[in-house]
């Protein structure tokens, strides 16, 4: 099984602490990771599908997957 990179572990650690404070999160993503918010979320969504991420932090990954599913259901309902 592949290991998580340092960046991937940092992303998970960041998500663990920032989920309660959505206001300044976008600015912090740019400052901490030096990447656009869109790219960060692309990486995060790919990351939470990996078994290594679930093994690294199962509670966090499960929560992020639930949030993603909820957002997807809401978007799908709006399109109907």
N, C-alpha and C. Protein backbone atom coordinates (compact mmCIF):
# COMPACT_ATOMS: atom_id res chain seq x y z
N UNK A 1 0.83 -1.18 0.00
CA UNK A 1 0.00 0.00 0.00
C UNK A 1 0.88 1.25 0.00
N UNK A 2 0.52 2.21 -0.83
CA UNK A 2 1.29 3.44 -0.92
C UNK A 2 1.13 4.26 0.35
N UNK A 3 2.13 5.04 0.64
CA UNK A 3 2.09 5.91 1.81
C UNK A 3 1.60 7.29 1.41
N UNK A 4 1.11 8.04 2.37
CA UNK A 4 0.72 9.42 2.12
C UNK A 4 1.98 10.28 2.06
N UNK A 5 1.95 11.26 1.18
CA UNK A 5 3.06 12.20 1.11
C UNK A 5 2.96 13.18 2.28
N UNK A 6 4.02 13.93 2.48
CA UNK A 6 4.01 14.94 3.53
C UNK A 6 2.90 15.96 3.27
N UNK A 7 2.74 16.37 2.01
CA UNK A 7 1.69 17.33 1.66
C UNK A 7 0.31 16.76 1.98
N UNK A 8 0.09 15.51 1.66
CA UNK A 8 -1.22 14.90 1.93
C UNK A 8 -1.50 14.83 3.43
N UNK A 9 -0.50 14.51 4.21
CA UNK A 9 -0.68 14.48 5.66
C UNK A 9 -0.95 15.88 6.21
N UNK A 10 -0.28 16.89 5.64
CA UNK A 10 -0.50 18.27 6.05
C UNK A 10 -1.92 18.72 5.71
N UNK A 11 -2.41 18.30 4.55
CA UNK A 11 -3.78 18.66 4.15
C UNK A 11 -4.78 18.06 5.14
N UNK A 12 -4.60 16.80 5.48
CA UNK A 12 -5.51 16.17 6.44
C UNK A 12 -5.42 16.85 7.81
N UNK A 13 -4.23 17.18 8.23
CA UNK A 13 -4.07 17.87 9.52
C UNK A 13 -4.76 19.23 9.49
N UNK A 14 -4.63 19.92 8.38
CA UNK A 14 -5.27 21.23 8.22
C UNK A 14 -6.79 21.08 8.31
N UNK A 15 -7.33 20.10 7.62
CA UNK A 15 -8.77 19.87 7.64
C UNK A 15 -9.26 19.50 9.03
N UNK A 16 -8.46 18.80 9.76
CA UNK A 16 -8.83 18.39 11.11
C UNK A 16 -9.08 19.61 11.99
N UNK A 17 -8.32 20.67 11.79
CA UNK A 17 -8.43 21.84 12.65
C UNK A 17 -9.27 22.97 12.12
N UNK A 18 -9.52 23.02 10.82
CA UNK A 18 -10.17 24.19 10.24
C UNK A 18 -11.64 24.00 9.94
N UNK A 19 -12.20 22.86 10.11
CA UNK A 19 -13.60 22.66 9.73
C UNK A 19 -14.57 23.52 10.53
N UNK A 20 -14.17 23.98 11.68
CA UNK A 20 -15.05 24.81 12.50
C UNK A 20 -15.00 26.28 12.12
N UNK A 21 -14.02 26.70 11.34
CA UNK A 21 -13.81 28.11 11.05
C UNK A 21 -13.80 28.37 9.54
N UNK A 22 -14.95 28.31 8.88
CA UNK A 22 -14.96 28.42 7.42
C UNK A 22 -14.65 29.81 6.88
N UNK A 23 -14.74 30.86 7.66
CA UNK A 23 -14.58 32.21 7.16
C UNK A 23 -13.24 32.51 6.51
N UNK A 24 -12.16 32.24 7.19
CA UNK A 24 -10.83 32.60 6.71
C UNK A 24 -10.10 31.41 6.07
N UNK A 25 -10.77 30.33 5.89
CA UNK A 25 -10.12 29.11 5.42
C UNK A 25 -9.46 29.29 4.06
N UNK A 26 -10.15 29.95 3.14
CA UNK A 26 -9.60 30.11 1.79
C UNK A 26 -8.29 30.88 1.80
N UNK A 27 -8.23 31.94 2.60
CA UNK A 27 -6.99 32.72 2.71
C UNK A 27 -5.87 31.87 3.32
N UNK A 28 -6.21 31.09 4.35
CA UNK A 28 -5.21 30.24 4.99
C UNK A 28 -4.70 29.16 4.05
N UNK A 29 -5.56 28.61 3.21
CA UNK A 29 -5.12 27.60 2.24
C UNK A 29 -4.04 28.20 1.35
N UNK A 30 -4.28 29.39 0.86
CA UNK A 30 -3.30 30.05 -0.01
C UNK A 30 -2.00 30.33 0.74
N UNK A 31 -2.10 30.80 1.97
CA UNK A 31 -0.91 31.13 2.75
C UNK A 31 -0.14 29.88 3.18
N UNK A 32 -0.84 28.87 3.66
CA UNK A 32 -0.18 27.69 4.21
C UNK A 32 0.35 26.78 3.11
N UNK A 33 -0.44 26.58 2.05
CA UNK A 33 -0.07 25.61 1.01
C UNK A 33 0.44 26.26 -0.26
N UNK A 34 0.24 27.56 -0.41
CA UNK A 34 0.73 28.25 -1.60
C UNK A 34 0.08 27.76 -2.88
N UNK A 35 -1.19 27.40 -2.79
CA UNK A 35 -1.89 26.92 -3.98
C UNK A 35 -3.29 27.51 -3.99
N UNK A 36 -3.87 27.61 -5.18
CA UNK A 36 -5.24 28.11 -5.26
C UNK A 36 -6.20 27.18 -4.52
N UNK A 37 -7.27 27.74 -4.03
CA UNK A 37 -8.26 26.98 -3.28
C UNK A 37 -8.84 25.86 -4.12
N UNK A 38 -9.08 26.12 -5.40
CA UNK A 38 -9.63 25.10 -6.29
C UNK A 38 -8.73 23.88 -6.34
N UNK A 39 -7.43 24.10 -6.48
CA UNK A 39 -6.47 22.99 -6.52
C UNK A 39 -6.45 22.23 -5.20
N UNK A 40 -6.50 22.96 -4.10
CA UNK A 40 -6.51 22.34 -2.78
C UNK A 40 -7.68 21.37 -2.66
N UNK A 41 -8.86 21.82 -3.05
CA UNK A 41 -10.04 20.97 -2.93
C UNK A 41 -10.01 19.80 -3.91
N UNK A 42 -9.39 19.99 -5.06
CA UNK A 42 -9.20 18.85 -5.98
C UNK A 42 -8.34 17.79 -5.31
N UNK A 43 -7.24 18.21 -4.72
CA UNK A 43 -6.35 17.28 -4.02
C UNK A 43 -7.05 16.62 -2.85
N UNK A 44 -7.79 17.41 -2.07
CA UNK A 44 -8.49 16.87 -0.91
C UNK A 44 -9.52 15.82 -1.33
N UNK A 45 -10.28 16.09 -2.37
CA UNK A 45 -11.30 15.14 -2.80
C UNK A 45 -10.69 13.85 -3.31
N UNK A 46 -9.58 13.93 -3.98
CA UNK A 46 -8.88 12.72 -4.42
C UNK A 46 -8.31 11.99 -3.20
N UNK A 47 -7.77 12.75 -2.28
CA UNK A 47 -7.13 12.17 -1.10
C UNK A 47 -8.10 11.38 -0.24
N UNK A 48 -9.30 11.91 -0.01
CA UNK A 48 -10.21 11.22 0.90
C UNK A 48 -10.79 9.94 0.31
N UNK A 49 -10.55 9.71 -0.97
CA UNK A 49 -10.96 8.44 -1.58
C UNK A 49 -9.89 7.35 -1.42
N UNK A 50 -8.73 7.73 -0.94
CA UNK A 50 -7.64 6.77 -0.82
C UNK A 50 -7.70 6.02 0.51
N UNK A 51 -7.49 4.70 0.46
CA UNK A 51 -7.50 3.92 1.71
C UNK A 51 -6.43 4.38 2.70
N UNK A 52 -5.32 4.87 2.20
CA UNK A 52 -4.24 5.33 3.09
C UNK A 52 -4.71 6.51 3.95
N UNK A 53 -5.54 7.38 3.37
CA UNK A 53 -6.05 8.52 4.12
C UNK A 53 -7.00 8.04 5.22
N UNK A 54 -7.85 7.07 4.88
CA UNK A 54 -8.77 6.54 5.88
C UNK A 54 -8.02 5.83 6.99
N UNK A 55 -6.92 5.20 6.67
CA UNK A 55 -6.11 4.55 7.69
C UNK A 55 -5.40 5.58 8.57
N UNK A 56 -4.96 6.68 7.96
CA UNK A 56 -4.24 7.74 8.67
C UNK A 56 -5.15 8.45 9.67
N UNK A 57 -6.38 8.76 9.26
CA UNK A 57 -7.32 9.46 10.13
C UNK A 57 -8.75 9.05 9.75
N UNK A 58 -9.19 7.90 10.23
CA UNK A 58 -10.49 7.36 9.80
C UNK A 58 -11.69 8.25 10.14
N UNK A 59 -11.68 8.89 11.29
CA UNK A 59 -12.81 9.73 11.68
C UNK A 59 -12.90 10.96 10.78
N UNK A 60 -11.79 11.61 10.56
CA UNK A 60 -11.77 12.79 9.69
C UNK A 60 -12.20 12.44 8.28
N UNK A 61 -11.64 11.39 7.72
CA UNK A 61 -11.95 11.01 6.34
C UNK A 61 -13.42 10.64 6.21
N UNK A 62 -13.96 9.94 7.18
CA UNK A 62 -15.39 9.59 7.14
C UNK A 62 -16.25 10.86 7.17
N UNK A 63 -15.88 11.83 8.00
CA UNK A 63 -16.62 13.09 8.07
C UNK A 63 -16.56 13.85 6.76
N UNK A 64 -15.36 13.93 6.17
CA UNK A 64 -15.20 14.64 4.90
C UNK A 64 -15.98 13.96 3.78
N UNK A 65 -16.01 12.64 3.79
CA UNK A 65 -16.79 11.91 2.77
C UNK A 65 -18.28 12.18 2.95
N UNK A 66 -18.75 12.20 4.19
CA UNK A 66 -20.17 12.50 4.44
C UNK A 66 -20.51 13.91 3.98
N UNK A 67 -19.65 14.86 4.27
CA UNK A 67 -19.89 16.24 3.83
C UNK A 67 -19.95 16.33 2.31
N UNK A 68 -19.05 15.65 1.65
CA UNK A 68 -19.02 15.67 0.19
C UNK A 68 -20.30 15.04 -0.37
N UNK A 69 -20.73 13.94 0.21
CA UNK A 69 -21.96 13.28 -0.25
C UNK A 69 -23.17 14.19 -0.03
N UNK A 70 -23.21 14.85 1.10
CA UNK A 70 -24.32 15.76 1.40
C UNK A 70 -24.35 16.90 0.38
N UNK A 71 -23.20 17.49 0.10
CA UNK A 71 -23.16 18.58 -0.90
C UNK A 71 -23.59 18.08 -2.27
N UNK A 72 -23.19 16.87 -2.62
CA UNK A 72 -23.56 16.29 -3.91
C UNK A 72 -25.08 16.08 -4.00
N UNK A 73 -25.68 15.58 -2.92
CA UNK A 73 -27.13 15.38 -2.90
C UNK A 73 -27.86 16.71 -3.03
N UNK A 74 -27.38 17.73 -2.35
CA UNK A 74 -28.01 19.05 -2.43
C UNK A 74 -27.93 19.60 -3.84
N UNK A 75 -26.75 19.50 -4.46
CA UNK A 75 -26.59 19.98 -5.85
C UNK A 75 -27.49 19.21 -6.79
N UNK A 76 -27.57 17.90 -6.60
CA UNK A 76 -28.40 17.06 -7.46
C UNK A 76 -29.88 17.43 -7.32
N UNK A 77 -30.31 17.70 -6.10
CA UNK A 77 -31.71 18.08 -5.86
C UNK A 77 -32.05 19.40 -6.53
N UNK A 78 -31.11 20.33 -6.55
CA UNK A 78 -31.34 21.63 -7.17
C UNK A 78 -31.48 21.51 -8.69
N UNK A 79 -30.81 20.55 -9.27
CA UNK A 79 -30.84 20.37 -10.74
C UNK A 79 -32.12 19.70 -11.21
N UNK A 80 -32.82 19.03 -10.32
CA UNK A 80 -34.04 18.31 -10.71
C UNK A 80 -35.21 19.24 -10.89
